Amino acid sequence: MAARRRTNFPTEVRKAALARAEGQCEGVLPTGLRCEAVLQASQYVFDHVVTDFHGGRPDLSNCQVLCKDCDRAKTVADQTAIADTRRAYDAHHRLRAPRKPMAGGRYDRVSKGFDGLTRDRDTGTVRSRFGSIDVRDL
């Protein structure tokens, strides 16, 4: 997953999107209705409908003019979707760092039996306790 540079909209696309918006936010509210916010200078942004990360192109069909509130809500949703995509990519390509197994769990290298002895799961040999001296080694 190569890091790509963010592509901004060309000036012609921004002008055309602003004309299409007719001074009103193009965001869609959770109710399904269009946001009624009036666009004021420096209070709106040009946003990718399909995120840049997911292959959205910098053209008019992928550009929308949003007020700051709609942009903030959409950005949160976009960041969640991007994080999910990255996690799925990493899981598919096995790029996650290996985790340490839970002590005493099925995948731990040692197991403690009912007799109180700790054994190596691979070889079955009894392991000495930490901090204790085995008299057989003297």
N, C-alpha and C. Protein backbone atom coordinates (compact mmCIF):
# COMPACT_ATOMS: atom_id res chain seq x y z
N MET A 1 0.85 -1.17 0.00
CA MET A 1 0.00 0.00 0.00
C MET A 1 0.89 1.23 0.00
N ALA A 2 1.18 1.72 -1.15
CA ALA A 2 2.07 2.87 -1.28
C ALA A 2 1.35 4.15 -0.88
N ALA A 3 2.08 5.00 -0.21
CA ALA A 3 1.50 6.28 0.20
C ALA A 3 1.36 7.17 -1.02
N ARG A 4 0.14 7.66 -1.22
CA ARG A 4 -0.10 8.54 -2.36
C ARG A 4 -0.29 9.96 -1.85
N ARG A 5 0.09 10.89 -2.69
CA ARG A 5 -0.11 12.29 -2.34
C ARG A 5 -1.57 12.65 -2.55
N ARG A 6 -2.06 13.52 -1.70
CA ARG A 6 -3.44 13.97 -1.81
C ARG A 6 -3.57 14.85 -3.05
N THR A 7 -4.63 14.62 -3.81
CA THR A 7 -4.85 15.42 -5.01
C THR A 7 -5.92 16.46 -4.73
N ASN A 8 -5.59 17.70 -4.92
CA ASN A 8 -6.55 18.79 -4.75
C ASN A 8 -7.28 19.02 -6.06
N PHE A 9 -8.43 19.68 -5.96
CA PHE A 9 -9.21 19.97 -7.16
C PHE A 9 -8.61 21.15 -7.90
N PRO A 10 -8.56 21.08 -9.24
CA PRO A 10 -8.08 22.23 -10.02
C PRO A 10 -9.03 23.42 -9.86
N THR A 11 -8.56 24.59 -10.18
CA THR A 11 -9.35 25.81 -10.03
C THR A 11 -10.64 25.75 -10.83
N GLU A 12 -10.60 25.21 -12.04
CA GLU A 12 -11.80 25.14 -12.89
C GLU A 12 -12.87 24.27 -12.23
N VAL A 13 -12.45 23.16 -11.62
CA VAL A 13 -13.40 22.26 -10.97
C VAL A 13 -14.01 22.95 -9.75
N ARG A 14 -13.20 23.66 -8.96
CA ARG A 14 -13.72 24.36 -7.79
C ARG A 14 -14.72 25.44 -8.18
N LYS A 15 -14.42 26.18 -9.27
CA LYS A 15 -15.35 27.21 -9.74
C LYS A 15 -16.66 26.59 -10.19
N ALA A 16 -16.58 25.49 -10.93
CA ALA A 16 -17.79 24.82 -11.42
C ALA A 16 -18.61 24.23 -10.27
N ALA A 17 -17.95 23.68 -9.26
CA ALA A 17 -18.66 23.11 -8.12
C ALA A 17 -19.34 24.20 -7.31
N LEU A 18 -18.69 25.33 -7.16
CA LEU A 18 -19.27 26.45 -6.42
C LEU A 18 -20.49 27.01 -7.16
N ALA A 19 -20.41 27.07 -8.49
CA ALA A 19 -21.56 27.53 -9.28
C ALA A 19 -22.71 26.53 -9.17
N ARG A 20 -22.39 25.25 -9.20
CA ARG A 20 -23.41 24.20 -9.09
C ARG A 20 -24.11 24.27 -7.73
N ALA A 21 -23.37 24.58 -6.68
CA ALA A 21 -23.95 24.62 -5.33
C ALA A 21 -24.91 25.79 -5.14
N GLU A 22 -24.79 26.82 -5.93
CA GLU A 22 -25.67 28.00 -5.88
C GLU A 22 -25.73 28.61 -4.48
N GLY A 23 -24.58 28.67 -3.80
CA GLY A 23 -24.50 29.34 -2.51
C GLY A 23 -25.03 28.54 -1.33
N GLN A 24 -25.33 27.27 -1.56
CA GLN A 24 -25.86 26.43 -0.48
C GLN A 24 -25.00 25.18 -0.33
N CYS A 25 -24.85 24.71 0.91
CA CYS A 25 -24.07 23.51 1.20
C CYS A 25 -24.67 22.31 0.46
N GLU A 26 -23.82 21.45 -0.10
CA GLU A 26 -24.30 20.26 -0.81
C GLU A 26 -24.31 19.01 0.07
N GLY A 27 -24.08 19.19 1.36
CA GLY A 27 -24.08 18.06 2.28
C GLY A 27 -25.48 17.49 2.49
N VAL A 28 -25.52 16.20 2.80
CA VAL A 28 -26.79 15.53 3.08
C VAL A 28 -26.83 15.20 4.56
N LEU A 29 -27.89 15.63 5.22
CA LEU A 29 -28.06 15.40 6.65
C LEU A 29 -28.45 13.95 6.92
N PRO A 30 -28.30 13.46 8.17
CA PRO A 30 -28.70 12.08 8.49
C PRO A 30 -30.17 11.80 8.20
N THR A 31 -30.99 12.85 8.15
CA THR A 31 -32.42 12.66 7.83
C THR A 31 -32.63 12.41 6.35
N GLY A 32 -31.61 12.64 5.53
CA GLY A 32 -31.72 12.45 4.09
C GLY A 32 -31.97 13.73 3.34
N LEU A 33 -32.20 14.82 4.06
CA LEU A 33 -32.43 16.12 3.42
C LEU A 33 -31.10 16.84 3.20
N ARG A 34 -31.11 17.77 2.25
CA ARG A 34 -29.91 18.55 1.97
C ARG A 34 -29.71 19.61 3.05
N CYS A 35 -28.48 19.83 3.44
CA CYS A 35 -28.15 20.86 4.43
C CYS A 35 -28.55 22.22 3.88
N GLU A 36 -29.11 23.04 4.74
CA GLU A 36 -29.60 24.35 4.31
C GLU A 36 -28.65 25.49 4.64
N ALA A 37 -27.42 25.16 5.02
CA ALA A 37 -26.46 26.21 5.38
C ALA A 37 -26.08 27.04 4.15
N VAL A 38 -26.00 28.33 4.34
CA VAL A 38 -25.60 29.25 3.28
C VAL A 38 -24.08 29.34 3.29
N LEU A 39 -23.47 29.22 2.13
CA LEU A 39 -22.01 29.24 2.03
C LEU A 39 -21.50 30.67 2.14
N GLN A 40 -20.60 30.89 3.08
CA GLN A 40 -19.98 32.20 3.26
C GLN A 40 -18.49 32.06 3.01
N ALA A 41 -17.85 33.14 2.66
CA ALA A 41 -16.42 33.11 2.36
C ALA A 41 -15.63 32.47 3.50
N SER A 42 -14.75 31.58 3.17
CA SER A 42 -13.86 30.84 4.07
C SER A 42 -14.60 29.96 5.07
N GLN A 43 -15.89 29.70 4.85
CA GLN A 43 -16.66 28.83 5.73
C GLN A 43 -17.13 27.58 5.01
N TYR A 44 -16.48 27.23 3.92
CA TYR A 44 -16.82 26.03 3.18
C TYR A 44 -15.55 25.38 2.65
N VAL A 45 -15.67 24.09 2.29
CA VAL A 45 -14.53 23.35 1.75
C VAL A 45 -14.99 22.56 0.53
N PHE A 46 -14.05 22.23 -0.33
CA PHE A 46 -14.30 21.37 -1.47
C PHE A 46 -13.88 19.97 -1.06
N ASP A 47 -14.82 19.05 -1.07
CA ASP A 47 -14.60 17.72 -0.51
C ASP A 47 -14.74 16.65 -1.59
N HIS A 48 -13.95 15.58 -1.46
CA HIS A 48 -14.08 14.42 -2.34
C HIS A 48 -15.28 13.59 -1.89
N VAL A 49 -16.18 13.26 -2.80
CA VAL A 49 -17.31 12.37 -2.47
C VAL A 49 -16.75 10.99 -2.15
N VAL A 50 -15.96 10.44 -3.07
CA VAL A 50 -15.20 9.21 -2.83
C VAL A 50 -13.81 9.67 -2.41
N THR A 51 -13.37 9.23 -1.25
CA THR A 51 -12.12 9.75 -0.71
C THR A 51 -10.95 9.54 -1.66
N ASP A 52 -10.00 10.42 -1.52
CA ASP A 52 -8.77 10.34 -2.30
C ASP A 52 -8.08 8.99 -2.06
N PHE A 53 -8.11 8.53 -0.81
CA PHE A 53 -7.47 7.28 -0.42
C PHE A 53 -8.10 6.09 -1.14
N HIS A 54 -9.40 6.16 -1.37
CA HIS A 54 -10.12 5.06 -2.02
C HIS A 54 -10.20 5.23 -3.54
N GLY A 55 -9.41 6.11 -4.08
CA GLY A 55 -9.32 6.24 -5.54
C GLY A 55 -10.20 7.31 -6.13
N GLY A 56 -10.74 8.21 -5.33
CA GLY A 56 -11.58 9.29 -5.85
C GLY A 56 -10.77 10.23 -6.72
N ARG A 57 -11.30 10.57 -7.86
CA ARG A 57 -10.61 11.42 -8.82
C ARG A 57 -10.88 12.90 -8.52
N PRO A 58 -9.96 13.78 -8.88
CA PRO A 58 -10.16 15.22 -8.66
C PRO A 58 -10.94 15.86 -9.81
N ASP A 59 -12.17 15.39 -10.05
CA ASP A 59 -12.99 15.98 -11.11
C ASP A 59 -14.33 16.44 -10.54
N LEU A 60 -15.12 17.09 -11.36
CA LEU A 60 -16.36 17.72 -10.90
C LEU A 60 -17.36 16.69 -10.35
N SER A 61 -17.41 15.51 -10.94
CA SER A 61 -18.38 14.51 -10.47
C SER A 61 -18.05 13.99 -9.07
N ASN A 62 -16.81 14.18 -8.63
CA ASN A 62 -16.39 13.71 -7.31
C ASN A 62 -16.19 14.86 -6.33
N CYS A 63 -16.58 16.05 -6.71
CA CYS A 63 -16.38 17.23 -5.87
C CYS A 63 -17.73 17.70 -5.30
N GLN A 64 -17.72 18.03 -4.02
CA GLN A 64 -18.90 18.64 -3.41
C GLN A 64 -18.46 19.77 -2.51
N VAL A 65 -19.31 20.78 -2.40
CA VAL A 65 -19.01 21.94 -1.57
C VAL A 65 -19.78 21.76 -0.26
N LEU A 66 -19.03 21.72 0.86
CA LEU A 66 -19.63 21.47 2.16
C LEU A 66 -19.36 22.61 3.12
N CYS A 67 -20.33 22.87 4.00
CA CYS A 67 -20.09 23.82 5.08
C CYS A 67 -19.16 23.13 6.09
N LYS A 68 -18.60 23.89 7.00
CA LYS A 68 -17.63 23.34 7.96
C LYS A 68 -18.23 22.22 8.82
N ASP A 69 -19.50 22.35 9.23
CA ASP A 69 -20.13 21.33 10.07
C ASP A 69 -20.31 20.01 9.31
N CYS A 70 -20.79 20.09 8.07
CA CYS A 70 -20.96 18.87 7.27
C CYS A 70 -19.61 18.23 6.96
N ASP A 71 -18.61 19.07 6.69
CA ASP A 71 -17.28 18.54 6.40
C ASP A 71 -16.70 17.81 7.61
N ARG A 72 -16.90 18.36 8.80
CA ARG A 72 -16.39 17.74 10.02
C ARG A 72 -17.01 16.34 10.21
N ALA A 73 -18.32 16.24 10.02
CA ALA A 73 -19.00 14.95 10.18
C ALA A 73 -18.55 13.95 9.12
N LYS A 74 -18.40 14.42 7.89
CA LYS A 74 -17.98 13.50 6.81
C LYS A 74 -16.53 13.06 7.00
N THR A 75 -15.69 13.95 7.49
CA THR A 75 -14.28 13.61 7.71
C THR A 75 -14.16 12.49 8.75
N VAL A 76 -14.95 12.54 9.80
CA VAL A 76 -14.91 11.48 10.81
C VAL A 76 -15.28 10.14 10.18
N ALA A 77 -16.33 10.13 9.37
CA ALA A 77 -16.76 8.89 8.71
C ALA A 77 -15.69 8.40 7.73
N ASP A 78 -15.08 9.34 6.99
CA ASP A 78 -14.04 8.97 6.03
C ASP A 78 -12.82 8.39 6.73
N GLN A 79 -12.41 8.99 7.84
CA GLN A 79 -11.24 8.49 8.56
C GLN A 79 -11.49 7.09 9.11
N THR A 80 -12.71 6.82 9.55
CA THR A 80 -13.06 5.48 10.03
C THR A 80 -12.97 4.48 8.89
N ALA A 81 -13.50 4.83 7.72
CA ALA A 81 -13.46 3.93 6.57
C ALA A 81 -12.02 3.69 6.11
N ILE A 82 -11.18 4.72 6.15
CA ILE A 82 -9.78 4.56 5.75
C ILE A 82 -9.05 3.65 6.73
N ALA A 83 -9.29 3.82 8.01
CA ALA A 83 -8.65 2.96 9.02
C ALA A 83 -9.10 1.51 8.85
N ASP A 84 -10.38 1.29 8.56
CA ASP A 84 -10.87 -0.07 8.32
C ASP A 84 -10.19 -0.69 7.11
N THR A 85 -10.03 0.10 6.05
CA THR A 85 -9.37 -0.39 4.83
C THR A 85 -7.92 -0.75 5.12
N ARG A 86 -7.23 0.08 5.88
CA ARG A 86 -5.83 -0.22 6.21
C ARG A 86 -5.71 -1.48 7.05
N ARG A 87 -6.62 -1.64 8.03
CA ARG A 87 -6.59 -2.84 8.87
C ARG A 87 -6.85 -4.09 8.04
N ALA A 88 -7.81 -4.01 7.12
CA ALA A 88 -8.12 -5.15 6.26
C ALA A 88 -6.93 -5.49 5.36
N TYR A 89 -6.28 -4.47 4.83
CA TYR A 89 -5.11 -4.68 3.98
C TYR A 89 -3.99 -5.36 4.78
N ASP A 90 -3.72 -4.83 5.97
CA ASP A 90 -2.67 -5.40 6.82
C ASP A 90 -2.98 -6.83 7.22
N ALA A 91 -4.24 -7.11 7.53
CA ALA A 91 -4.62 -8.47 7.91
C ALA A 91 -4.48 -9.41 6.71
N HIS A 92 -4.90 -8.97 5.54
CA HIS A 92 -4.82 -9.81 4.35
C HIS A 92 -3.37 -10.15 3.98
N HIS A 93 -2.49 -9.19 4.14
CA HIS A 93 -1.09 -9.39 3.78
C HIS A 93 -0.22 -9.78 4.98
N ARG A 94 -0.87 -10.07 6.10
CA ARG A 94 -0.19 -10.51 7.32
C ARG A 94 0.93 -9.56 7.74
N LEU A 95 0.59 -8.29 7.81
CA LEU A 95 1.57 -7.28 8.16
C LEU A 95 1.50 -6.86 9.62
N ARG A 96 0.58 -7.42 10.37
CA ARG A 96 0.47 -7.06 11.79
C ARG A 96 1.63 -7.62 12.56
N ALA A 97 2.04 -6.90 13.58
CA ALA A 97 3.11 -7.38 14.44
C ALA A 97 2.59 -8.59 15.24
N PRO A 98 3.42 -9.61 15.43
CA PRO A 98 2.96 -10.76 16.20
C PRO A 98 2.70 -10.38 17.64
N ARG A 99 1.69 -10.97 18.19
CA ARG A 99 1.33 -10.67 19.57
C ARG A 99 1.95 -11.70 20.50
N LYS A 100 2.19 -11.30 21.71
CA LYS A 100 2.71 -12.23 22.71
C LYS A 100 1.53 -13.06 23.21
N PRO A 101 1.68 -14.39 23.26
CA PRO A 101 0.55 -15.21 23.72
C PRO A 101 0.25 -14.97 25.20
N MET A 102 -1.00 -15.18 25.56
CA MET A 102 -1.42 -15.00 26.94
C MET A 102 -0.73 -16.05 27.81
N ALA A 103 -0.21 -15.62 28.95
CA ALA A 103 0.50 -16.53 29.84
C ALA A 103 -0.43 -17.67 30.27
N GLY A 104 0.03 -18.89 30.08
CA GLY A 104 -0.74 -20.06 30.47
C GLY A 104 -1.80 -20.45 29.46
N GLY A 105 -1.94 -19.68 28.38
CA GLY A 105 -2.95 -19.97 27.37
C GLY A 105 -2.51 -21.10 26.45
N ARG A 106 -3.37 -21.45 25.53
CA ARG A 106 -3.13 -22.56 24.60
C ARG A 106 -1.87 -22.37 23.78
N TYR A 107 -1.54 -21.12 23.43
CA TYR A 107 -0.41 -20.87 22.55
C TYR A 107 0.86 -20.47 23.30
N ASP A 108 0.83 -20.51 24.61
CA ASP A 108 2.02 -20.20 25.40
C ASP A 108 2.99 -21.37 25.28
N ARG A 109 4.28 -21.10 25.38
CA ARG A 109 5.30 -22.15 25.21
C ARG A 109 5.36 -23.09 26.41
N VAL A 110 4.87 -22.63 27.55
CA VAL A 110 4.92 -23.48 28.74
C VAL A 110 3.52 -23.74 29.26
N SER A 111 3.37 -24.85 29.97
CA SER A 111 2.09 -25.16 30.60
C SER A 111 2.35 -25.61 32.02
N LYS A 112 1.42 -25.27 32.87
CA LYS A 112 1.56 -25.66 34.27
C LYS A 112 0.55 -26.76 34.53
N GLY A 113 1.05 -27.89 34.99
CA GLY A 113 0.19 -29.04 35.24
C GLY A 113 -0.44 -29.01 36.62
N PHE A 114 -1.31 -29.99 36.87
CA PHE A 114 -1.97 -30.07 38.17
C PHE A 114 -0.99 -30.42 39.27
N ASP A 115 0.16 -30.99 38.90
CA ASP A 115 1.17 -31.33 39.91
C ASP A 115 2.01 -30.12 40.31
N GLY A 116 1.77 -28.95 39.71
CA GLY A 116 2.48 -27.73 40.07
C GLY A 116 3.76 -27.52 39.29
N LEU A 117 4.12 -28.44 38.42
CA LEU A 117 5.35 -28.30 37.64
C LEU A 117 5.07 -27.58 36.32
N THR A 118 6.04 -26.80 35.90
CA THR A 118 5.93 -26.09 34.64
C THR A 118 6.70 -26.86 33.59
N ARG A 119 6.02 -27.18 32.48
CA ARG A 119 6.64 -27.98 31.41
C ARG A 119 6.66 -27.20 30.10
N ASP A 120 7.69 -27.48 29.32
CA ASP A 120 7.79 -26.92 27.98
C ASP A 120 6.80 -27.68 27.10
N ARG A 121 5.94 -26.98 26.36
CA ARG A 121 4.92 -27.65 25.54
C ARG A 121 5.54 -28.45 24.40
N ASP A 122 6.64 -27.98 23.83
CA ASP A 122 7.23 -28.66 22.68
C ASP A 122 7.94 -29.95 23.08
N THR A 123 8.74 -29.91 24.14
CA THR A 123 9.56 -31.07 24.49
C THR A 123 9.01 -31.86 25.66
N GLY A 124 8.18 -31.24 26.49
CA GLY A 124 7.64 -31.93 27.66
C GLY A 124 8.58 -31.92 28.86
N THR A 125 9.73 -31.28 28.73
CA THR A 125 10.68 -31.25 29.85
C THR A 125 10.20 -30.30 30.92
N VAL A 126 10.52 -30.62 32.16
CA VAL A 126 10.14 -29.79 33.30
C VAL A 126 11.07 -28.59 33.35
N ARG A 127 10.49 -27.42 33.50
CA ARG A 127 11.28 -26.20 33.58
C ARG A 127 11.36 -25.78 35.03
N SER A 128 12.52 -25.28 35.42
CA SER A 128 12.68 -24.83 36.80
C SER A 128 11.98 -23.50 36.99
N ARG A 129 11.64 -23.22 38.23
CA ARG A 129 10.98 -21.96 38.54
C ARG A 129 12.01 -20.85 38.55
N PHE A 130 11.54 -19.63 38.24
CA PHE A 130 12.44 -18.48 38.29
C PHE A 130 12.87 -18.23 39.72
N GLY A 131 14.15 -17.97 39.92
CA GLY A 131 14.66 -17.64 41.24
C GLY A 131 14.93 -18.85 42.11
N SER A 132 14.70 -20.04 41.61
CA SER A 132 14.97 -21.22 42.42
C SER A 132 16.23 -21.90 41.89
N ILE A 133 16.86 -22.62 42.76
CA ILE A 133 18.09 -23.33 42.39
C ILE A 133 17.76 -24.81 42.34
N ASP A 134 18.11 -25.43 41.24
CA ASP A 134 17.90 -26.87 41.11
C ASP A 134 19.13 -27.56 41.69
N VAL A 135 18.94 -28.39 42.73
CA VAL A 135 20.06 -29.04 43.41
C VAL A 135 20.77 -30.02 42.48
N ARG A 136 20.13 -30.46 41.44
CA ARG A 136 20.76 -31.39 40.50
C ARG A 136 21.84 -30.72 39.69
N ASP A 137 21.77 -29.37 39.58
CA ASP A 137 22.78 -28.63 38.82
C ASP A 137 24.02 -28.33 39.64
N LEU A 138 24.01 -28.59 40.96
CA LEU A 138 25.16 -28.29 41.81
C LEU A 138 26.21 -29.35 41.74
